[in-house]
Amino acid sequence: MTENNPESAPRSERPRRAGAFDIRNFIAALLGIYGVVLLVTGLVGTTDADLAKAQGINVNVWTGIALIIAAGLFAGWARLRPVIVPTDDDR
C-alpha cells in the first residue's frame, strides 16, 4: 500500500485518462474502417484489368492491410501511453 499508487487513491484524486476522447483512438478507428473497406474491395471487387494496371499487384489488399496495421499501432499507442487529463488541483 504505497501512497503513490493511483489505484489506492480515492476516486476523486485519481488521475483521469482521456479515454475515448484521445485523438489517437479516432485516428485508429478511421484507419481501421478504411483499411477494412479497402481489404474487402481488393478481395472481392478486383478485376483482371485492375491488376494489369498495377503490374499484377493487388494494391487495395496491400493498402488495406497496411492501414489495419497502422490502426493497430495507433490503438496500442493510445492504450499503452494514455493521455492524463489534469484535475482542477493540478492547474
PDB file of N, CA and C in Angstrom:
ATOM      1  N   MET A   1       0.815  -1.189   0.000  1.00  0.00           N
ATOM      2  CA  MET A   1       0.000   0.000   0.000  1.00  0.00           C
ATOM      3  C   MET A   1       0.858   1.251   0.000  1.00  0.00           C
ATOM      4  N   THR A   2       1.294   1.620  -1.171  1.00  0.00           N
ATOM      5  CA  THR A   2       2.087   2.829  -1.274  1.00  0.00           C
ATOM      6  C   THR A   2       1.182   4.016  -1.515  1.00  0.00           C
ATOM      7  N   GLU A   3       1.647   5.183  -1.104  1.00  0.00           N
ATOM      8  CA  GLU A   3       0.842   6.385  -1.259  1.00  0.00           C
ATOM      9  C   GLU A   3       0.870   6.903  -2.687  1.00  0.00           C
ATOM     10  N   ASN A   4       1.843   6.515  -3.478  1.00  0.00           N
ATOM     11  CA  ASN A   4       1.964   6.994  -4.846  1.00  0.00           C
ATOM     12  C   ASN A   4       1.160   6.166  -5.842  1.00  0.00           C
ATOM     13  N   ASN A   5       0.546   5.102  -5.395  1.00  0.00           N
ATOM     14  CA  ASN A   5      -0.232   4.237  -6.266  1.00  0.00           C
ATOM     15  C   ASN A   5      -1.570   4.899  -6.584  1.00  0.00           C
ATOM     16  N   PRO A   6      -1.836   5.236  -7.861  1.00  0.00           N
ATOM     17  CA  PRO A   6      -3.092   5.912  -8.189  1.00  0.00           C
ATOM     18  C   PRO A   6      -4.314   5.032  -7.974  1.00  0.00           C
ATOM     19  N   GLU A   7      -4.129   3.704  -7.994  1.00  0.00           N
ATOM     20  CA  GLU A   7      -5.269   2.811  -7.780  1.00  0.00           C
ATOM     21  C   GLU A   7      -5.753   2.834  -6.337  1.00  0.00           C
ATOM     22  N   SER A   8      -4.865   3.150  -5.391  1.00  0.00           N
ATOM     23  CA  SER A   8      -5.257   3.165  -3.994  1.00  0.00           C
ATOM     24  C   SER A   8      -5.781   4.530  -3.558  1.00  0.00           C
ATOM     25  N   ALA A   9      -5.675   5.521  -4.415  1.00  0.00           N
ATOM     26  CA  ALA A   9      -6.148   6.866  -4.081  1.00  0.00           C
ATOM     27  C   ALA A   9      -7.668   6.917  -4.160  1.00  0.00           C
ATOM     28  N   PRO A  10      -8.275   7.808  -3.410  1.00  0.00           N
ATOM     29  CA  PRO A  10      -9.723   7.966  -3.533  1.00  0.00           C
ATOM     30  C   PRO A  10     -10.097   8.332  -4.960  1.00  0.00           C
ATOM     31  N   ARG A  11     -11.323   8.013  -5.337  1.00  0.00           N
ATOM     32  CA  ARG A  11     -11.776   8.183  -6.721  1.00  0.00           C
ATOM     33  C   ARG A  11     -11.564   9.607  -7.236  1.00  0.00           C
ATOM     34  N   SER A  12     -11.806  10.608  -6.431  1.00  0.00           N
ATOM     35  CA  SER A  12     -11.691  11.986  -6.894  1.00  0.00           C
ATOM     36  C   SER A  12     -10.244  12.428  -7.069  1.00  0.00           C
ATOM     37  N   GLU A  13      -9.281  11.717  -6.463  1.00  0.00           N
ATOM     38  CA  GLU A  13      -7.878  12.115  -6.546  1.00  0.00           C
ATOM     39  C   GLU A  13      -7.100  11.348  -7.609  1.00  0.00           C
ATOM     40  N   ARG A  14      -7.696  10.334  -8.225  1.00  0.00           N
ATOM     41  CA  ARG A  14      -7.009   9.552  -9.245  1.00  0.00           C
ATOM     42  C   ARG A  14      -6.816  10.380 -10.510  1.00  0.00           C
ATOM     43  N   PRO A  15      -5.688  10.189 -11.182  1.00  0.00           N
ATOM     44  CA  PRO A  15      -5.531  10.872 -12.479  1.00  0.00           C
ATOM     45  C   PRO A  15      -6.539  10.298 -13.473  1.00  0.00           C
ATOM     46  N   ARG A  16      -7.114  11.156 -14.282  1.00  0.00           N
ATOM     47  CA  ARG A  16      -8.119  10.723 -15.248  1.00  0.00           C
ATOM     48  C   ARG A  16      -7.493  10.620 -16.621  1.00  0.00           C
ATOM     49  N   ARG A  17      -7.874   9.580 -17.345  1.00  0.00           N
ATOM     50  CA  ARG A  17      -7.397   9.371 -18.707  1.00  0.00           C
ATOM     51  C   ARG A  17      -8.369  10.008 -19.693  1.00  0.00           C
ATOM     52  N   ALA A  18      -7.839  10.388 -20.847  1.00  0.00           N
ATOM     53  CA  ALA A  18      -8.689  10.984 -21.874  1.00  0.00           C
ATOM     54  C   ALA A  18      -9.633   9.939 -22.460  1.00  0.00           C
ATOM     55  N   GLY A  19      -9.225   8.688 -22.479  1.00  0.00           N
ATOM     56  CA  GLY A  19     -10.083   7.595 -22.925  1.00  0.00           C
ATOM     57  C   GLY A  19     -10.526   7.731 -24.369  1.00  0.00           C
ATOM     58  N   ALA A  20     -11.841   7.680 -24.576  1.00  0.00           N
ATOM     59  CA  ALA A  20     -12.393   7.705 -25.929  1.00  0.00           C
ATOM     60  C   ALA A  20     -12.154   9.040 -26.625  1.00  0.00           C
ATOM     61  N   PHE A  21     -11.861  10.088 -25.884  1.00  0.00           N
ATOM     62  CA  PHE A  21     -11.664  11.403 -26.480  1.00  0.00           C
ATOM     63  C   PHE A  21     -10.218  11.647 -26.906  1.00  0.00           C
ATOM     64  N   ASP A  22      -9.373  10.652 -26.775  1.00  0.00           N
ATOM     65  CA  ASP A  22      -7.999  10.757 -27.246  1.00  0.00           C
ATOM     66  C   ASP A  22      -8.015  10.698 -28.770  1.00  0.00           C
ATOM     67  N   ILE A  23      -7.353  11.637 -29.418  1.00  0.00           N
ATOM     68  CA  ILE A  23      -7.369  11.733 -30.882  1.00  0.00           C
ATOM     69  C   ILE A  23      -6.809  10.473 -31.532  1.00  0.00           C
ATOM     70  N   ARG A  24      -5.914   9.777 -30.842  1.00  0.00           N
ATOM     71  CA  ARG A  24      -5.339   8.555 -31.418  1.00  0.00           C
ATOM     72  C   ARG A  24      -6.383   7.476 -31.591  1.00  0.00           C
ATOM     73  N   ASN A  25      -7.406   7.457 -30.724  1.00  0.00           N
ATOM     74  CA  ASN A  25      -8.489   6.485 -30.878  1.00  0.00           C
ATOM     75  C   ASN A  25      -9.330   6.786 -32.115  1.00  0.00           C
ATOM     76  N   PHE A  26      -9.586   8.055 -32.379  1.00  0.00           N
ATOM     77  CA  PHE A  26     -10.326   8.427 -33.582  1.00  0.00           C
ATOM     78  C   PHE A  26      -9.532   8.075 -34.844  1.00  0.00           C
ATOM     79  N   ILE A  27      -8.242   8.376 -34.817  1.00  0.00           N
ATOM     80  CA  ILE A  27      -7.396   8.058 -35.972  1.00  0.00           C
ATOM     81  C   ILE A  27      -7.358   6.551 -36.198  1.00  0.00           C
ATOM     82  N   ALA A  28      -7.218   5.779 -35.129  1.00  0.00           N
ATOM     83  CA  ALA A  28      -7.191   4.317 -35.252  1.00  0.00           C
ATOM     84  C   ALA A  28      -8.500   3.795 -35.828  1.00  0.00           C
ATOM     85  N   ALA A  29      -9.624   4.352 -35.373  1.00  0.00           N
ATOM     86  CA  ALA A  29     -10.916   3.893 -35.876  1.00  0.00           C
ATOM     87  C   ALA A  29     -11.074   4.208 -37.363  1.00  0.00           C
ATOM     88  N   LEU A  30     -10.707   5.419 -37.765  1.00  0.00           N
ATOM     89  CA  LEU A  30     -10.834   5.785 -39.172  1.00  0.00           C
ATOM     90  C   LEU A  30      -9.906   4.956 -40.059  1.00  0.00           C
ATOM     91  N   LEU A  31      -8.667   4.800 -39.646  1.00  0.00           N
ATOM     92  CA  LEU A  31      -7.739   3.984 -40.427  1.00  0.00           C
ATOM     93  C   LEU A  31      -8.217   2.541 -40.509  1.00  0.00           C
ATOM     94  N   GLY A  32      -8.750   2.029 -39.414  1.00  0.00           N
ATOM     95  CA  GLY A  32      -9.255   0.663 -39.405  1.00  0.00           C
ATOM     96  C   GLY A  32     -10.448   0.483 -40.333  1.00  0.00           C
ATOM     97  N   ILE A  33     -11.374   1.438 -40.315  1.00  0.00           N
ATOM     98  CA  ILE A  33     -12.543   1.349 -41.196  1.00  0.00           C
ATOM     99  C   ILE A  33     -12.113   1.410 -42.663  1.00  0.00           C
ATOM    100  N   TYR A  34     -11.262   2.384 -42.991  1.00  0.00           N
ATOM    101  CA  TYR A  34     -10.786   2.490 -44.370  1.00  0.00           C
ATOM    102  C   TYR A  34      -9.994   1.253 -44.778  1.00  0.00           C
ATOM    103  N   GLY A  35      -9.211   0.715 -43.865  1.00  0.00           N
ATOM    104  CA  GLY A  35      -8.440  -0.486 -44.165  1.00  0.00           C
ATOM    105  C   GLY A  35      -9.321  -1.684 -44.457  1.00  0.00           C
ATOM    106  N   VAL A  36     -10.367  -1.859 -43.673  1.00  0.00           N
ATOM    107  CA  VAL A  36     -11.284  -2.981 -43.902  1.00  0.00           C
ATOM    108  C   VAL A  36     -12.018  -2.811 -45.224  1.00  0.00           C
ATOM    109  N   VAL A  37     -12.458  -1.589 -45.518  1.00  0.00           N
ATOM    110  CA  VAL A  37     -13.144  -1.337 -46.792  1.00  0.00           C
ATOM    111  C   VAL A  37     -12.223  -1.655 -47.968  1.00  0.00           C
ATOM    112  N   LEU A  38     -10.980  -1.190 -47.913  1.00  0.00           N
ATOM    113  CA  LEU A  38     -10.043  -1.476 -48.999  1.00  0.00           C
ATOM    114  C   LEU A  38      -9.710  -2.958 -49.097  1.00  0.00           C
ATOM    115  N   LEU A  39      -9.578  -3.611 -47.973  1.00  0.00           N
ATOM    116  CA  LEU A  39      -9.271  -5.043 -47.983  1.00  0.00           C
ATOM    117  C   LEU A  39     -10.407  -5.837 -48.622  1.00  0.00           C
ATOM    118  N   VAL A  40     -11.637  -5.543 -48.230  1.00  0.00           N
ATOM    119  CA  VAL A  40     -12.788  -6.247 -48.805  1.00  0.00           C
ATOM    120  C   VAL A  40     -12.913  -5.924 -50.296  1.00  0.00           C
ATOM    121  N   THR A  41     -12.724  -4.658 -50.637  1.00  0.00           N
ATOM    122  CA  THR A  41     -12.790  -4.272 -52.049  1.00  0.00           C
ATOM    123  C   THR A  41     -11.715  -4.993 -52.854  1.00  0.00           C
ATOM    124  N   GLY A  42     -10.535  -5.087 -52.320  1.00  0.00           N
ATOM    125  CA  GLY A  42      -9.449  -5.768 -53.024  1.00  0.00           C
ATOM    126  C   GLY A  42      -9.690  -7.255 -53.172  1.00  0.00           C
ATOM    127  N   LEU A  43     -10.304  -7.864 -52.162  1.00  0.00           N
ATOM    128  CA  LEU A  43     -10.553  -9.304 -52.224  1.00  0.00           C
ATOM    129  C   LEU A  43     -11.747  -9.649 -53.103  1.00  0.00           C
ATOM    130  N   VAL A  44     -12.748  -8.801 -53.128  1.00  0.00           N
ATOM    131  CA  VAL A  44     -13.996  -9.120 -53.814  1.00  0.00           C
ATOM    132  C   VAL A  44     -14.117  -8.429 -55.173  1.00  0.00           C
ATOM    133  N   GLY A  45     -13.697  -7.166 -55.256  1.00  0.00           N
ATOM    134  CA  GLY A  45     -14.009  -6.387 -56.436  1.00  0.00           C
ATOM    135  C   GLY A  45     -12.868  -6.110 -57.387  1.00  0.00           C
ATOM    136  N   THR A  46     -11.790  -6.831 -57.294  1.00  0.00           N
ATOM    137  CA  THR A  46     -10.647  -6.571 -58.174  1.00  0.00           C
ATOM    138  C   THR A  46     -10.797  -7.371 -59.454  1.00  0.00           C
ATOM    139  N   THR A  47     -10.665  -6.686 -60.584  1.00  0.00           N
ATOM    140  CA  THR A  47     -10.750  -7.354 -61.878  1.00  0.00           C
ATOM    141  C   THR A  47      -9.348  -7.572 -62.445  1.00  0.00           C
ATOM    142  N   ASP A  48      -9.297  -8.339 -63.523  1.00  0.00           N
ATOM    143  CA  ASP A  48      -8.007  -8.556 -64.192  1.00  0.00           C
ATOM    144  C   ASP A  48      -7.461  -7.262 -64.776  1.00  0.00           C
ATOM    145  N   ALA A  49      -8.359  -6.375 -65.218  1.00  0.00           N
ATOM    146  CA  ALA A  49      -7.917  -5.080 -65.755  1.00  0.00           C
ATOM    147  C   ALA A  49      -7.270  -4.236 -64.649  1.00  0.00           C
ATOM    148  N   ASP A  50      -7.842  -4.289 -63.452  1.00  0.00           N
ATOM    149  CA  ASP A  50      -7.247  -3.556 -62.319  1.00  0.00           C
ATOM    150  C   ASP A  50      -5.859  -4.092 -61.993  1.00  0.00           C
ATOM    151  N   LEU A  51      -5.722  -5.389 -62.002  1.00  0.00           N
ATOM    152  CA  LEU A  51      -4.412  -5.994 -61.722  1.00  0.00           C
ATOM    153  C   LEU A  51      -3.398  -5.647 -62.814  1.00  0.00           C
ATOM    154  N   ALA A  52      -3.849  -5.585 -64.066  1.00  0.00           N
ATOM    155  CA  ALA A  52      -2.944  -5.244 -65.176  1.00  0.00           C
ATOM    156  C   ALA A  52      -2.446  -3.809 -65.035  1.00  0.00           C
ATOM    157  N   LYS A  53      -3.301  -2.901 -64.555  1.00  0.00           N
ATOM    158  CA  LYS A  53      -2.884  -1.508 -64.361  1.00  0.00           C
ATOM    159  C   LYS A  53      -1.789  -1.393 -63.300  1.00  0.00           C
ATOM    160  N   ALA A  54      -1.840  -2.279 -62.308  1.00  0.00           N
ATOM    161  CA  ALA A  54      -0.899  -2.216 -61.186  1.00  0.00           C
ATOM    162  C   ALA A  54       0.203  -3.261 -61.305  1.00  0.00           C
ATOM    163  N   GLN A  55       0.462  -3.732 -62.504  1.00  0.00           N
ATOM    164  CA  GLN A  55       1.517  -4.705 -62.780  1.00  0.00           C
ATOM    165  C   GLN A  55       1.363  -5.981 -61.951  1.00  0.00           C
ATOM    166  N   GLY A  56       0.125  -6.416 -61.769  1.00  0.00           N
ATOM    167  CA  GLY A  56      -0.144  -7.681 -61.096  1.00  0.00           C
ATOM    168  C   GLY A  56      -0.209  -7.609 -59.581  1.00  0.00           C
ATOM    169  N   ILE A  57      -0.103  -6.435 -59.019  1.00  0.00           N
ATOM    170  CA  ILE A  57      -0.156  -6.276 -57.562  1.00  0.00           C
ATOM    171  C   ILE A  57      -1.546  -5.796 -57.172  1.00  0.00           C
ATOM    172  N   ASN A  58      -2.153  -6.462 -56.225  1.00  0.00           N
ATOM    173  CA  ASN A  58      -3.470  -6.046 -55.755  1.00  0.00           C
ATOM    174  C   ASN A  58      -3.276  -4.930 -54.720  1.00  0.00           C
ATOM    175  N   VAL A  59      -3.283  -3.700 -55.212  1.00  0.00           N
ATOM    176  CA  VAL A  59      -2.950  -2.538 -54.394  1.00  0.00           C
ATOM    177  C   VAL A  59      -3.950  -2.349 -53.261  1.00  0.00           C
ATOM    178  N   ASN A  60      -5.229  -2.604 -53.523  1.00  0.00           N
ATOM    179  CA  ASN A  60      -6.244  -2.416 -52.480  1.00  0.00           C
ATOM    180  C   ASN A  60      -6.019  -3.351 -51.292  1.00  0.00           C
ATOM    181  N   VAL A  61      -5.643  -4.580 -51.569  1.00  0.00           N
ATOM    182  CA  VAL A  61      -5.400  -5.536 -50.478  1.00  0.00           C
ATOM    183  C   VAL A  61      -4.208  -5.091 -49.635  1.00  0.00           C
ATOM    184  N   TRP A  62      -3.108  -4.735 -50.291  1.00  0.00           N
ATOM    185  CA  TRP A  62      -1.909  -4.354 -49.549  1.00  0.00           C
ATOM    186  C   TRP A  62      -2.096  -3.045 -48.795  1.00  0.00           C
ATOM    187  N   THR A  63      -2.798  -2.109 -49.405  1.00  0.00           N
ATOM    188  CA  THR A  63      -3.053  -0.847 -48.713  1.00  0.00           C
ATOM    189  C   THR A  63      -3.995  -1.071 -47.538  1.00  0.00           C
ATOM    190  N   GLY A  64      -5.004  -1.919 -47.713  1.00  0.00           N
ATOM    191  CA  GLY A  64      -5.910  -2.242 -46.612  1.00  0.00           C
ATOM    192  C   GLY A  64      -5.192  -2.899 -45.445  1.00  0.00           C
ATOM    193  N   ILE A  65      -4.296  -3.814 -45.741  1.00  0.00           N
ATOM    194  CA  ILE A  65      -3.520  -4.466 -44.681  1.00  0.00           C
ATOM    195  C   ILE A  65      -2.641  -3.454 -43.958  1.00  0.00           C
ATOM    196  N   ALA A  66      -2.003  -2.568 -44.722  1.00  0.00           N
ATOM    197  CA  ALA A  66      -1.142  -1.548 -44.103  1.00  0.00           C
ATOM    198  C   ALA A  66      -1.953  -0.612 -43.208  1.00  0.00           C
ATOM    199  N   LEU A  67      -3.155  -0.224 -43.652  1.00  0.00           N
ATOM    200  CA  LEU A  67      -3.990   0.653 -42.836  1.00  0.00           C
ATOM    201  C   LEU A  67      -4.471  -0.044 -41.566  1.00  0.00           C
ATOM    202  N   ILE A  68      -4.790  -1.321 -41.656  1.00  0.00           N
ATOM    203  CA  ILE A  68      -5.214  -2.069 -40.465  1.00  0.00           C
ATOM    204  C   ILE A  68      -4.061  -2.188 -39.474  1.00  0.00           C
ATOM    205  N   ILE A  69      -2.856  -2.410 -39.971  1.00  0.00           N
ATOM    206  CA  ILE A  69      -1.683  -2.461 -39.087  1.00  0.00           C
ATOM    207  C   ILE A  69      -1.454  -1.101 -38.437  1.00  0.00           C
ATOM    208  N   ALA A  70      -1.560  -0.024 -39.215  1.00  0.00           N
ATOM    209  CA  ALA A  70      -1.388   1.323 -38.666  1.00  0.00           C
ATOM    210  C   ALA A  70      -2.457   1.618 -37.612  1.00  0.00           C
ATOM    211  N   ALA A  71      -3.677   1.177 -37.854  1.00  0.00           N
ATOM    212  CA  ALA A  71      -4.755   1.366 -36.871  1.00  0.00           C
ATOM    213  C   ALA A  71      -4.430   0.626 -35.574  1.00  0.00           C
ATOM    214  N   GLY A  72      -3.890  -0.575 -35.693  1.00  0.00           N
ATOM    215  CA  GLY A  72      -3.493  -1.326 -34.506  1.00  0.00           C
ATOM    216  C   GLY A  72      -2.378  -0.638 -33.733  1.00  0.00           C
ATOM    217  N   LEU A  73      -1.436  -0.042 -34.461  1.00  0.00           N
ATOM    218  CA  LEU A  73      -0.348   0.679 -33.804  1.00  0.00           C
ATOM    219  C   LEU A  73      -0.872   1.909 -33.057  1.00  0.00           C
ATOM    220  N   PHE A  74      -1.781   2.648 -33.682  1.00  0.00           N
ATOM    221  CA  PHE A  74      -2.350   3.817 -33.011  1.00  0.00           C
ATOM    222  C   PHE A  74      -3.159   3.403 -31.782  1.00  0.00           C
ATOM    223  N   ALA A  75      -3.947   2.346 -31.908  1.00  0.00           N
ATOM    224  CA  ALA A  75      -4.745   1.881 -30.766  1.00  0.00           C
ATOM    225  C   ALA A  75      -3.837   1.387 -29.643  1.00  0.00           C
ATOM    226  N   GLY A  76      -2.780   0.677 -29.994  1.00  0.00           N
ATOM    227  CA  GLY A  76      -1.837   0.211 -28.978  1.00  0.00           C
ATOM    228  C   GLY A  76      -1.120   1.353 -28.299  1.00  0.00           C
ATOM    229  N   TRP A  77      -0.744   2.357 -29.071  1.00  0.00           N
ATOM    230  CA  TRP A  77      -0.083   3.542 -28.522  1.00  0.00           C
ATOM    231  C   TRP A  77      -1.002   4.260 -27.547  1.00  0.00           C
ATOM    232  N   ALA A  78      -2.251   4.409 -27.908  1.00  0.00           N
ATOM    233  CA  ALA A  78      -3.205   5.084 -27.022  1.00  0.00           C
ATOM    234  C   ALA A  78      -3.449   4.262 -25.757  1.00  0.00           C
ATOM    235  N   ARG A  79      -3.400   2.967 -25.879  1.00  0.00           N
ATOM    236  CA  ARG A  79      -3.643   2.098 -24.715  1.00  0.00           C
ATOM    237  C   ARG A  79      -2.434   2.057 -23.781  1.00  0.00           C
ATOM    238  N   LEU A  80      -1.238   1.997 -24.362  1.00  0.00           N
ATOM    239  CA  LEU A  80      -0.030   1.867 -23.543  1.00  0.00           C
ATOM    240  C   LEU A  80       0.440   3.188 -22.944  1.00  0.00           C
ATOM    241  N   ARG A  81       0.197   4.300 -23.632  1.00  0.00           N
ATOM    242  CA  ARG A  81       0.621   5.620 -23.156  1.00  0.00           C
ATOM    243  C   ARG A  81      -0.571   6.572 -23.136  1.00  0.00           C
ATOM    244  N   PRO A  82      -1.478   6.382 -22.208  1.00  0.00           N
ATOM    245  CA  PRO A  82      -2.695   7.208 -22.203  1.00  0.00           C
ATOM    246  C   PRO A  82      -2.399   8.662 -21.842  1.00  0.00           C
ATOM    247  N   VAL A  83      -3.256   9.546 -22.338  1.00  0.00           N
ATOM    248  CA  VAL A  83      -3.158  10.962 -22.008  1.00  0.00           C
ATOM    249  C   VAL A  83      -3.833  11.164 -20.663  1.00  0.00           C
ATOM    250  N   ILE A  84      -3.117  11.762 -19.723  1.00  0.00           N
ATOM    251  CA  ILE A  84      -3.662  12.026 -18.404  1.00  0.00           C
ATOM    252  C   ILE A  84      -4.239  13.436 -18.399  1.00  0.00           C
ATOM    253  N   VAL A  85      -5.520  13.537 -18.057  1.00  0.00           N
ATOM    254  CA  VAL A  85      -6.184  14.821 -18.021  1.00  0.00           C
ATOM    255  C   VAL A  85      -5.910  15.464 -16.664  1.00  0.00           C
ATOM    256  N   PRO A  86      -5.430  16.706 -16.640  1.00  0.00           N
ATOM    257  CA  PRO A  86      -5.137  17.340 -15.353  1.00  0.00           C
ATOM    258  C   PRO A  86      -6.438  17.642 -14.600  1.00  0.00           C
ATOM    259  N   THR A  87      -6.367  17.476 -13.305  1.00  0.00           N
ATOM    260  CA  THR A  87      -7.512  17.803 -12.460  1.00  0.00           C
ATOM    261  C   THR A  87      -7.457  19.276 -12.088  1.00  0.00           C
ATOM    262  N   ASP A  88      -8.473  19.766 -11.407  1.00  0.00           N
ATOM    263  CA  ASP A  88      -8.514  21.180 -11.004  1.00  0.00           C
ATOM    264  C   ASP A  88      -7.365  21.507 -10.060  1.00  0.00           C
ATOM    265  N   ASP A  89      -6.934  20.546  -9.235  1.00  0.00           N
ATOM    266  CA  ASP A  89      -5.855  20.783  -8.299  1.00  0.00           C
ATOM    267  C   ASP A  89      -4.503  20.950  -8.984  1.00  0.00           C
ATOM    268  N   ASP A  90      -4.350  20.328 -10.186  1.00  0.00           N
ATOM    269  CA  ASP A  90      -3.086  20.364 -10.913  1.00  0.00           C
ATOM    270  C   ASP A  90      -2.869  21.683 -11.637  1.00  0.00           C
ATOM    271  N   ARG A  91      -3.879  22.460 -11.841  1.00  0.00           N
ATOM    272  CA  ARG A  91      -3.770  23.696 -12.635  1.00  0.00           C
ATOM    273  C   ARG A  91      -3.232  24.844 -11.857  1.00  0.00           C
TER     274      ARG A  91
END
